[in-house]
Amino acid sequence: MGFGGALPLDSPGAGFYDRAMGNKVMMVAGEASGDLHAASLARELKSLLPQTEILGMGGERMAEVGVRLLAHCSSSSVVGSVEAVGMLGSLFRSFCVLRTALASETPNLLVLIDFPDFNLLLARVAKKRGIPIVYYISPQIWAWRGGRLRTMRRLVDLVLVILPFEEEIFRQARMEAHFVGHPLLDLVKPSLSREEVRSRLGITRERTLIGLMPGSRLMEVRRHLPLMLESADLLTQRHPKLCFVVSQAETVEDAELDGFLSQRHSKWRVWKGRPYDLMNACDFLLVASGTVTLEAGLLGIPMVIIYRLSWFSALVGRRLMRVPNLGLINLLLGREVAPELLQGRADPRRIAQVIDGYLQEPERREAMRRDLLSVRSRLGEPGASRRAALHIVRFLEAGPHSRPESR
């Protein structure tokens, strides 16, 4: 399947900038990973349309590339039905700010990045105002909540997908969709060597290092880090020379970790740098399910995946899920390559037991590493953000009369 690319990947032709001058694009990302991908897209869009102003909701990375932030995504990131209740106030405030801006700023285009519960509500507002909508990194309707496809068909004008099989799903629904490749292929590149990271952590090359990655959302850290630390204590009892390091996302404050770490006795350290550098220096990872599983897979780092939600959110999730696995890397590979321990199965003793099995059998770790690396061939070619920006430019240039009729 191709990249839907009627546009070349170099600079547009003569007269392009004059026609597109003065565009205003609203871009909305609701969590750390969305901020990362939106920033890359915004950078490419600005390189193609220097006169275009980009505003919306995001985080520090979007701000760094010149996006005018009307709302900050650090106060909006949440997973689960019950978990969302505590964030309703900040989510509602952000929604009101953006709803007002759709009227006062009159953007030419609304670009939505992931974060579907929030973004599809905002899309309804934009649709009523006649503002065209592009969805980049669409909801995973093939995995759960398939009914969203009908909502998207009614609201969204163009879908830019990052997994190859998603393109056909939307096209079968008579939507304009293009596979642009996966943006992580451009991003998952360690900037430090394995030796440099270990030197900074004070860990020699022969020591086994296990990375603990509890998530980028505060609620994820609160649910997962205690389990991870207790698992680390159990593993240390059997392997006294093991080393552990906690990856601290930039969205998590130091104070949030101190209470957990100050009472532990395992050989843990905290890494605040780029997560890809840390992953590359580790022999094994214990991760909370999310984008991190694909990132680790692209680097070929063996892992165990855990995740816990409130009982109610887990019950709802089980009823809505349409796939057998939660970990993105396993979904893409079509089988459980990295072990998943979810909800009650995410017990410290069970976690430690599964990891210990891989520590005792290096050949199993190597087999997992090979399987994980095979995911790269399923994600297209690098340059996803550039291709996505080019499709958006073409969409803007086409004008309202060239778009599919509203459904």
Foldseek 3Di string as FASTA:
>chain_A
DDQPDPDDLDADDPPLQVLQAPAEEEEEDQDDVLQVLVLLLVLLLCVRHVRYAYEYEEADSNVVSPHHYQYYNLLGDDDFDVGCVVSVVNLVVRLVSVLVCCVVVVGQEYEYEPPPVSVLVSLVSNVVVVRAYEYEAYPPLVWFDVVCLVSCLQRHQEYEHQFVVVCVVNVVVVHHYGDLFHQVVVVLDAPDALCVVCVVVVHDLVAAEEEEEQDQRLVSCVPPVLLVLLLLVVLCVVVVRHAYEYEHEPSDDPVSCCVRPVPGDGRYYYDDDDVSNVLNNHQEYEYEADCVLLSSLLSLRAYAYEYEDPPVRVVVCVVTTDDDDRHPLQVLLVHCLHHYQYHPSSHSVNRNVVVVVCVVPVVSSVVSSVSSNVSNVRGDDHDSSSSVSVVVSVVSSVDPVPTDDRD
